[in-house]
């Protein structure tokens, strides 16, 4: 199993401890996300120290105030590191509005263009901004190698995601009893577009809800999704591993 999206720098235990517990749980790959300069450095260092870790590097919409060419150059430099496998998480967040929306959109478009130029997948964050997010993705879809919708939260747009070939990554939220729309989407999504993640230390799946999340817990979400789809865990494991390898590399 692979945890396709976590934030090792935001987790309290040391990286080595997190990686060890993940490995003991059967999680052999972790994709940690750098969302600004310091966290990108942390993510890349983790890839150097641990063979199990790969990095996703970019600027989170919360950190896009005043986004400029220097910020883009910092991402491009990080993305050239051999441990970096994708650009992100980038996108739009109109729920918190921690950065001006114009800055968010400018940073988002710049990172989409960078991902296209470097032929790297792009990992998307969207919250209360789906119309603008999907419009910009449609504008750039033809040039992008792959799109991963992190912490998938747009079940009403599932048909559009499938049509565009966007990968949808389900976090612990899919295990929550009231998330029936997400559960329906996890059942219906074509297998070749399915991923799972923790987004740790956030969004712990139901069996450990209320506790800090960590990469080892992706197995709880994966087992839940396997049950939703009526398949054995091992089949889901092969599917997710294959999808992640195809998009993020081995």
C-alpha atoms as a PDB file:
ATOM      1  CA  UNK A   1       0.000   0.000   0.000  1.00  0.00           C
ATOM      2  CA  UNK A   2       1.047   3.608  -0.596  1.00  0.00           C
ATOM      3  CA  UNK A   3      -0.041   6.718   1.259  1.00  0.00           C
ATOM      4  CA  UNK A   4      -0.260   9.115  -1.667  1.00  0.00           C
ATOM      5  CA  UNK A   5      -0.546  12.285   0.435  1.00  0.00           C
ATOM      6  CA  UNK A   6       0.784  13.066   3.901  1.00  0.00           C
ATOM      7  CA  UNK A   7       2.516  15.924   5.699  1.00  0.00           C
ATOM      8  CA  UNK A   8       5.425  14.426   7.595  1.00  0.00           C
ATOM      9  CA  UNK A   9       6.639  17.855   8.707  1.00  0.00           C
ATOM     10  CA  UNK A  10       3.311  18.524  10.454  1.00  0.00           C
ATOM     11  CA  UNK A  11       3.236  15.181  12.272  1.00  0.00           C
ATOM     12  CA  UNK A  12       4.565  15.184  15.830  1.00  0.00           C
ATOM     13  CA  UNK A  13       6.607  11.935  15.809  1.00  0.00           C
ATOM     14  CA  UNK A  14       9.996  11.959  14.061  1.00  0.00           C
ATOM     15  CA  UNK A  15       9.990  10.976  10.391  1.00  0.00           C
ATOM     16  CA  UNK A  16      11.940   7.782  11.057  1.00  0.00           C
ATOM     17  CA  UNK A  17       9.316   6.676  13.583  1.00  0.00           C
ATOM     18  CA  UNK A  18       6.454   7.449  11.201  1.00  0.00           C
ATOM     19  CA  UNK A  19       8.134   5.581   8.357  1.00  0.00           C
ATOM     20  CA  UNK A  20       8.848   2.605  10.612  1.00  0.00           C
ATOM     21  CA  UNK A  21       5.250   2.351  11.827  1.00  0.00           C
ATOM     22  CA  UNK A  22       3.981   2.693   8.275  1.00  0.00           C
ATOM     23  CA  UNK A  23       6.281  -0.086   7.098  1.00  0.00           C
ATOM     24  CA  UNK A  24       5.101  -2.320   9.960  1.00  0.00           C
ATOM     25  CA  UNK A  25       1.493  -1.710   8.836  1.00  0.00           C
ATOM     26  CA  UNK A  26       2.312  -2.748   5.259  1.00  0.00           C
ATOM     27  CA  UNK A  27       2.703   0.774   3.837  1.00  0.00           C
ATOM     28  CA  UNK A  28       5.800   0.686   1.682  1.00  0.00           C
ATOM     29  CA  UNK A  29       5.572   4.134   0.044  1.00  0.00           C
ATOM     30  CA  UNK A  30       4.771   7.593   1.430  1.00  0.00           C
ATOM     31  CA  UNK A  31       4.307  10.775  -0.575  1.00  0.00           C
ATOM     32  CA  UNK A  32       4.977  13.748   1.683  1.00  0.00           C
ATOM     33  CA  UNK A  33       3.929  17.230   0.635  1.00  0.00           C
ATOM     34  CA  UNK A  34       5.886  20.459   0.826  1.00  0.00           C
ATOM     35  CA  UNK A  35       3.522  23.444   0.813  1.00  0.00           C
ATOM     36  CA  UNK A  36       6.021  26.322   1.162  1.00  0.00           C
ATOM     37  CA  UNK A  37       9.786  26.834   1.249  1.00  0.00           C
ATOM     38  CA  UNK A  38      10.578  25.218   4.624  1.00  0.00           C
ATOM     39  CA  UNK A  39       8.214  22.285   4.181  1.00  0.00           C
ATOM     40  CA  UNK A  40       9.519  21.591   0.674  1.00  0.00           C
ATOM     41  CA  UNK A  41      13.027  21.347   2.145  1.00  0.00           C
ATOM     42  CA  UNK A  42      11.709  19.009   4.850  1.00  0.00           C
ATOM     43  CA  UNK A  43       9.993  16.825   2.241  1.00  0.00           C
ATOM     44  CA  UNK A  44      13.079  16.560   0.052  1.00  0.00           C
ATOM     45  CA  UNK A  45      15.296  15.758   3.034  1.00  0.00           C
ATOM     46  CA  UNK A  46      12.888  12.965   3.970  1.00  0.00           C
ATOM     47  CA  UNK A  47      13.322  11.454   0.492  1.00  0.00           C
ATOM     48  CA  UNK A  48      17.099  11.502   0.953  1.00  0.00           C
ATOM     49  CA  UNK A  49      16.913   9.849   4.374  1.00  0.00           C
ATOM     50  CA  UNK A  50      14.260   7.215   3.641  1.00  0.00           C
ATOM     51  CA  UNK A  51      13.878   5.122   0.509  1.00  0.00           C
ATOM     52  CA  UNK A  52      10.150   4.740   1.219  1.00  0.00           C
ATOM     53  CA  UNK A  53       9.477   8.485   0.882  1.00  0.00           C
ATOM     54  CA  UNK A  54       8.826  10.537  -2.247  1.00  0.00           C
ATOM     55  CA  UNK A  55       7.963  14.242  -2.335  1.00  0.00           C
ATOM     56  CA  UNK A  56       5.274  16.471  -3.785  1.00  0.00           C
ATOM     57  CA  UNK A  57       6.394  20.103  -3.901  1.00  0.00           C
ATOM     58  CA  UNK A  58       4.509  23.326  -4.458  1.00  0.00           C
ATOM     59  CA  UNK A  59       2.712  26.212  -2.843  1.00  0.00           C
ATOM     60  CA  UNK A  60      -0.546  25.570  -0.992  1.00  0.00           C
ATOM     61  CA  UNK A  61      -3.276  28.142  -1.732  1.00  0.00           C
ATOM     62  CA  UNK A  62      -3.063  29.322   1.887  1.00  0.00           C
ATOM     63  CA  UNK A  63       0.564  30.336   1.235  1.00  0.00           C
ATOM     64  CA  UNK A  64       0.114  32.225  -2.025  1.00  0.00           C
ATOM     65  CA  UNK A  65      -0.186  35.834  -0.826  1.00  0.00           C
ATOM     66  CA  UNK A  66       2.225  37.868  -2.929  1.00  0.00           C
ATOM     67  CA  UNK A  67       3.134  34.887  -5.118  1.00  0.00           C
ATOM     68  CA  UNK A  68       5.797  35.960  -7.618  1.00  0.00           C
ATOM     69  CA  UNK A  69       8.502  34.678  -9.962  1.00  0.00           C
ATOM     70  CA  UNK A  70      10.867  33.976  -7.070  1.00  0.00           C
ATOM     71  CA  UNK A  71       8.240  31.736  -5.465  1.00  0.00           C
ATOM     72  CA  UNK A  72       7.792  29.880  -8.742  1.00  0.00           C
ATOM     73  CA  UNK A  73      11.560  29.475  -9.159  1.00  0.00           C
ATOM     74  CA  UNK A  74      11.740  27.988  -5.657  1.00  0.00           C
ATOM     75  CA  UNK A  75       9.153  25.369  -6.628  1.00  0.00           C
ATOM     76  CA  UNK A  76      10.900  24.629  -9.925  1.00  0.00           C
ATOM     77  CA  UNK A  77      14.214  24.106  -8.152  1.00  0.00           C
ATOM     78  CA  UNK A  78      12.597  21.766  -5.636  1.00  0.00           C
ATOM     79  CA  UNK A  79      10.781  19.878  -8.405  1.00  0.00           C
ATOM     80  CA  UNK A  80      14.103  19.171 -10.111  1.00  0.00           C
ATOM     81  CA  UNK A  81      15.247  17.148  -7.083  1.00  0.00           C
ATOM     82  CA  UNK A  82      15.245  13.390  -7.835  1.00  0.00           C
ATOM     83  CA  UNK A  83      12.968  12.742  -4.869  1.00  0.00           C
ATOM     84  CA  UNK A  84      10.236  15.066  -6.185  1.00  0.00           C
ATOM     85  CA  UNK A  85       7.521  13.331  -8.193  1.00  0.00           C
ATOM     86  CA  UNK A  86       4.729  15.925  -8.524  1.00  0.00           C
ATOM     87  CA  UNK A  87       3.804  19.603  -8.228  1.00  0.00           C
ATOM     88  CA  UNK A  88       1.394  20.520  -5.448  1.00  0.00           C
ATOM     89  CA  UNK A  89      -0.608  20.693  -3.519  1.00  0.00           C
ATOM     90  CA  UNK A  90      -1.861  23.661  -5.490  1.00  0.00           C
ATOM     91  CA  UNK A  91      -5.350  24.917  -6.174  1.00  0.00           C
ATOM     92  CA  UNK A  92      -7.936  27.210  -4.645  1.00  0.00           C
ATOM     93  CA  UNK A  93      -9.401  27.517  -1.164  1.00  0.00           C
ATOM     94  CA  UNK A  94     -12.255  29.989  -0.820  1.00  0.00           C
ATOM     95  CA  UNK A  95     -13.387  28.473   2.492  1.00  0.00           C
ATOM     96  CA  UNK A  96     -10.529  29.868   4.584  1.00  0.00           C
ATOM     97  CA  UNK A  97      -9.397  32.653   2.233  1.00  0.00           C
ATOM     98  CA  UNK A  98      -5.987  32.855   3.931  1.00  0.00           C
ATOM     99  CA  UNK A  99      -4.610  34.418   0.738  1.00  0.00           C
ATOM    100  CA  UNK A 100      -6.262  36.853  -1.710  1.00  0.00           C
ATOM    101  CA  UNK A 101      -8.170  34.977  -4.374  1.00  0.00           C
ATOM    102  CA  UNK A 102      -6.345  36.714  -7.205  1.00  0.00           C
ATOM    103  CA  UNK A 103      -3.033  35.546  -5.723  1.00  0.00           C
ATOM    104  CA  UNK A 104      -4.393  32.026  -5.332  1.00  0.00           C
ATOM    105  CA  UNK A 105      -5.467  31.904  -8.958  1.00  0.00           C
ATOM    106  CA  UNK A 106      -2.169  33.344 -10.193  1.00  0.00           C
ATOM    107  CA  UNK A 107      -0.181  30.799  -8.182  1.00  0.00           C
ATOM    108  CA  UNK A 108      -2.437  27.975  -9.306  1.00  0.00           C
ATOM    109  CA  UNK A 109      -2.076  28.806 -12.995  1.00  0.00           C
ATOM    110  CA  UNK A 110       1.691  29.245 -12.649  1.00  0.00           C
ATOM    111  CA  UNK A 111       2.022  25.827 -11.018  1.00  0.00           C
ATOM    112  CA  UNK A 112      -0.184  24.184 -13.633  1.00  0.00           C
ATOM    113  CA  UNK A 113       2.069  25.655 -16.322  1.00  0.00           C
ATOM    114  CA  UNK A 114       5.163  24.492 -14.430  1.00  0.00           C
ATOM    115  CA  UNK A 115       3.774  20.967 -14.107  1.00  0.00           C
ATOM    116  CA  UNK A 116       3.065  20.918 -17.838  1.00  0.00           C
ATOM    117  CA  UNK A 117       6.531  22.231 -18.687  1.00  0.00           C
ATOM    118  CA  UNK A 118       8.291  19.710 -16.417  1.00  0.00           C
ATOM    119  CA  UNK A 119       5.841  16.928 -17.360  1.00  0.00           C
ATOM    120  CA  UNK A 120       5.092  16.176 -13.729  1.00  0.00           C
ATOM    121  CA  UNK A 121       1.705  15.251 -12.261  1.00  0.00           C
ATOM    122  CA  UNK A 122      -0.120  18.015 -10.416  1.00  0.00           C
ATOM    123  CA  UNK A 123      -1.816  17.488  -7.039  1.00  0.00           C
ATOM    124  CA  UNK A 124      -4.907  19.611  -6.463  1.00  0.00           C
ATOM    125  CA  UNK A 125      -6.394  21.147  -3.325  1.00  0.00           C
ATOM    126  CA  UNK A 126      -9.855  22.640  -3.727  1.00  0.00           C
ATOM    127  CA  UNK A 127     -12.307  23.774  -1.086  1.00  0.00           C
ATOM    128  CA  UNK A 128     -15.430  25.874  -1.678  1.00  0.00           C
ATOM    129  CA  UNK A 129     -13.890  26.776  -5.043  1.00  0.00           C
ATOM    130  CA  UNK A 130     -14.842  23.900  -7.323  1.00  0.00           C
ATOM    131  CA  UNK A 131     -16.220  26.006 -10.181  1.00  0.00           C
ATOM    132  CA  UNK A 132     -13.017  28.013 -10.575  1.00  0.00           C
ATOM    133  CA  UNK A 133     -10.765  25.020  -9.867  1.00  0.00           C
ATOM    134  CA  UNK A 134     -12.359  22.821 -12.506  1.00  0.00           C
ATOM    135  CA  UNK A 135     -12.521  25.664 -15.024  1.00  0.00           C
ATOM    136  CA  UNK A 136      -8.765  26.233 -14.724  1.00  0.00           C
ATOM    137  CA  UNK A 137      -8.076  22.502 -14.909  1.00  0.00           C
ATOM    138  CA  UNK A 138     -10.143  22.280 -18.099  1.00  0.00           C
ATOM    139  CA  UNK A 139      -8.143  25.159 -19.581  1.00  0.00           C
ATOM    140  CA  UNK A 140      -4.873  23.323 -18.933  1.00  0.00           C
ATOM    141  CA  UNK A 141      -5.966  19.682 -19.157  1.00  0.00           C
ATOM    142  CA  UNK A 142      -4.499  19.089 -22.592  1.00  0.00           C
ATOM    143  CA  UNK A 143      -0.966  19.929 -21.459  1.00  0.00           C
ATOM    144  CA  UNK A 144      -0.927  18.160 -18.080  1.00  0.00           C
ATOM    145  CA  UNK A 145       0.626  14.736 -17.628  1.00  0.00           C
ATOM    146  CA  UNK A 146      -1.785  13.774 -14.825  1.00  0.00           C
ATOM    147  CA  UNK A 147      -4.121  15.401 -12.308  1.00  0.00           C
ATOM    148  CA  UNK A 148      -4.617  14.040  -8.780  1.00  0.00           C
ATOM    149  CA  UNK A 149      -7.546  15.430  -6.801  1.00  0.00           C
ATOM    150  CA  UNK A 150      -6.206  15.164  -3.267  1.00  0.00           C
ATOM    151  CA  UNK A 151      -8.687  14.455  -0.448  1.00  0.00           C
ATOM    152  CA  UNK A 152     -11.410  14.027  -3.068  1.00  0.00           C
ATOM    153  CA  UNK A 153     -14.395  16.164  -2.085  1.00  0.00           C
ATOM    154  CA  UNK A 154     -16.342  16.735  -5.296  1.00  0.00           C
ATOM    155  CA  UNK A 155     -18.597  13.673  -5.688  1.00  0.00           C
ATOM    156  CA  UNK A 156     -21.111  15.767  -7.620  1.00  0.00           C
ATOM    157  CA  UNK A 157     -18.433  16.197 -10.299  1.00  0.00           C
ATOM    158  CA  UNK A 158     -17.438  12.551 -10.507  1.00  0.00           C
ATOM    159  CA  UNK A 159     -18.575  12.197 -14.114  1.00  0.00           C
ATOM    160  CA  UNK A 160     -16.432  15.157 -15.150  1.00  0.00           C
ATOM    161  CA  UNK A 161     -13.435  13.741 -13.285  1.00  0.00           C
ATOM    162  CA  UNK A 162     -13.822  10.415 -15.055  1.00  0.00           C
ATOM    163  CA  UNK A 163     -14.240  12.081 -18.438  1.00  0.00           C
ATOM    164  CA  UNK A 164     -11.057  14.124 -17.888  1.00  0.00           C
ATOM    165  CA  UNK A 165      -9.123  11.156 -16.472  1.00  0.00           C
ATOM    166  CA  UNK A 166      -8.440  12.829 -13.136  1.00  0.00           C
ATOM    167  CA  UNK A 167      -7.247  10.514 -10.374  1.00  0.00           C
ATOM    168  CA  UNK A 168      -9.318  10.813  -7.202  1.00  0.00           C
ATOM    169  CA  UNK A 169      -7.586  10.207  -3.874  1.00  0.00           C
ATOM    170  CA  UNK A 170      -9.803   9.306  -0.928  1.00  0.00           C
ATOM    171  CA  UNK A 171      -8.795  10.294   2.590  1.00  0.00           C
ATOM    172  CA  UNK A 172     -10.184   9.236   5.961  1.00  0.00           C
ATOM    173  CA  UNK A 173     -13.284  11.358   5.355  1.00  0.00           C
ATOM    174  CA  UNK A 174     -14.730   8.589   3.169  1.00  0.00           C
ATOM    175  CA  UNK A 175     -15.014   6.401   6.294  1.00  0.00           C
ATOM    176  CA  UNK A 176     -17.240   8.868   8.185  1.00  0.00           C
ATOM    177  CA  UNK A 177     -20.843   7.644   8.557  1.00  0.00           C
ATOM    178  CA  UNK A 178     -22.438  10.751   7.033  1.00  0.00           C
ATOM    179  CA  UNK A 179     -20.151  10.806   3.972  1.00  0.00           C
ATOM    180  CA  UNK A 180     -22.534   8.748   1.854  1.00  0.00           C
ATOM    181  CA  UNK A 181     -21.904  10.827  -1.279  1.00  0.00           C
ATOM    182  CA  UNK A 182     -18.167  10.206  -1.018  1.00  0.00           C
ATOM    183  CA  UNK A 183     -18.801   6.527  -0.410  1.00  0.00           C
ATOM    184  CA  UNK A 184     -20.936   6.332  -3.553  1.00  0.00           C
ATOM    185  CA  UNK A 185     -18.128   7.992  -5.511  1.00  0.00           C
ATOM    186  CA  UNK A 186     -15.573   5.526  -4.115  1.00  0.00           C
ATOM    187  CA  UNK A 187     -17.785   2.661  -5.296  1.00  0.00           C
ATOM    188  CA  UNK A 188     -18.359   4.055  -8.770  1.00  0.00           C
ATOM    189  CA  UNK A 189     -14.939   5.443  -9.672  1.00  0.00           C
ATOM    190  CA  UNK A 190     -13.163   3.373 -12.353  1.00  0.00           C
ATOM    191  CA  UNK A 191     -10.355   1.368 -10.785  1.00  0.00           C
ATOM    192  CA  UNK A 192      -7.638   3.024 -12.890  1.00  0.00           C
ATOM    193  CA  UNK A 193      -8.414   6.417 -11.310  1.00  0.00           C
ATOM    194  CA  UNK A 194      -8.464   5.347  -7.649  1.00  0.00           C
ATOM    195  CA  UNK A 195      -5.964   6.403  -4.972  1.00  0.00           C
ATOM    196  CA  UNK A 196      -6.040   6.551  -1.163  1.00  0.00           C
ATOM    197  CA  UNK A 197      -4.239   8.814   1.296  1.00  0.00           C
ATOM    198  CA  UNK A 198      -4.125   9.964   4.909  1.00  0.00           C
ATOM    199  CA  UNK A 199      -3.488  13.718   4.596  1.00  0.00           C
ATOM    200  CA  UNK A 200      -1.898  13.089   7.983  1.00  0.00           C
ATOM    201  CA  UNK A 201      -1.784  14.442  10.608  1.00  0.00           C
ATOM    202  CA  UNK A 202      -5.306  15.488   9.606  1.00  0.00           C
ATOM    203  CA  UNK A 203      -8.529  13.588   8.798  1.00  0.00           C
ATOM    204  CA  UNK A 204      -7.923  10.369  10.709  1.00  0.00           C
ATOM    205  CA  UNK A 205     -10.128   7.521   9.423  1.00  0.00           C
ATOM    206  CA  UNK A 206     -12.991   6.330  11.569  1.00  0.00           C
ATOM    207  CA  UNK A 207     -11.196   3.552  13.530  1.00  0.00           C
ATOM    208  CA  UNK A 208      -8.717   6.139  14.893  1.00  0.00           C
ATOM    209  CA  UNK A 209     -10.822   9.291  14.549  1.00  0.00           C
ATOM    210  CA  UNK A 210     -10.046  11.900  17.159  1.00  0.00           C
ATOM    211  CA  UNK A 211      -6.361  11.000  17.241  1.00  0.00           C
ATOM    212  CA  UNK A 212      -3.518  12.524  15.204  1.00  0.00           C
ATOM    213  CA  UNK A 213      -3.383  10.782  11.869  1.00  0.00           C
ATOM    214  CA  UNK A 214      -0.258   9.164  10.395  1.00  0.00           C
ATOM    215  CA  UNK A 215       0.695   7.278   7.217  1.00  0.00           C
ATOM    216  CA  UNK A 216       0.214   3.823   8.770  1.00  0.00           C
ATOM    217  CA  UNK A 217      -3.508   4.588   9.016  1.00  0.00           C
ATOM    218  CA  UNK A 218      -3.986   4.628   5.249  1.00  0.00           C
ATOM    219  CA  UNK A 219      -4.675   0.889   5.549  1.00  0.00           C
ATOM    220  CA  UNK A 220      -7.900   1.664   7.468  1.00  0.00           C
ATOM    221  CA  UNK A 221      -9.155   3.837   4.620  1.00  0.00           C
ATOM    222  CA  UNK A 222      -8.035   1.299   2.023  1.00  0.00           C
ATOM    223  CA  UNK A 223      -9.864  -1.550   3.757  1.00  0.00           C
ATOM    224  CA  UNK A 224     -13.011   0.553   3.987  1.00  0.00           C
ATOM    225  CA  UNK A 225     -12.854   1.421   0.265  1.00  0.00           C
ATOM    226  CA  UNK A 226     -12.237  -2.228  -0.612  1.00  0.00           C
ATOM    227  CA  UNK A 227     -15.380  -3.193   1.301  1.00  0.00           C
ATOM    228  CA  UNK A 228     -17.349  -0.459  -0.467  1.00  0.00           C
ATOM    229  CA  UNK A 229     -16.231  -1.820  -3.822  1.00  0.00           C
ATOM    230  CA  UNK A 230     -16.889  -5.437  -2.818  1.00  0.00           C
ATOM    231  CA  UNK A 231     -13.325  -6.592  -3.401  1.00  0.00           C
ATOM    232  CA  UNK A 232     -10.553  -8.075  -1.296  1.00  0.00           C
ATOM    233  CA  UNK A 233      -8.068  -5.711   0.310  1.00  0.00           C
ATOM    234  CA  UNK A 234      -5.233  -7.278  -1.667  1.00  0.00           C
ATOM    235  CA  UNK A 235      -6.948  -6.414  -4.944  1.00  0.00           C
ATOM    236  CA  UNK A 236      -7.377  -2.806  -3.897  1.00  0.00           C
ATOM    237  CA  UNK A 237      -3.764  -2.765  -2.771  1.00  0.00           C
ATOM    238  CA  UNK A 238      -2.603  -3.872  -6.231  1.00  0.00           C
ATOM    239  CA  UNK A 239      -4.857  -1.321  -7.913  1.00  0.00           C
ATOM    240  CA  UNK A 240      -3.701   1.626  -5.826  1.00  0.00           C
ATOM    241  CA  UNK A 241      -0.055   0.607  -6.028  1.00  0.00           C
ATOM    242  CA  UNK A 242      -0.287   0.297  -9.803  1.00  0.00           C
ATOM    243  CA  UNK A 243      -2.041   3.639 -10.209  1.00  0.00           C
ATOM    244  CA  UNK A 244       0.472   5.401  -7.977  1.00  0.00           C
ATOM    245  CA  UNK A 245       3.424   3.829  -9.787  1.00  0.00           C
ATOM    246  CA  UNK A 246       1.975   4.852 -13.163  1.00  0.00           C
ATOM    247  CA  UNK A 247       1.568   8.484 -12.115  1.00  0.00           C
ATOM    248  CA  UNK A 248       4.183   9.101  -9.403  1.00  0.00           C
ATOM    249  CA  UNK A 249       6.788   6.586 -10.507  1.00  0.00           C
ATOM    250  CA  UNK A 250       8.050   3.402  -8.855  1.00  0.00           C
END
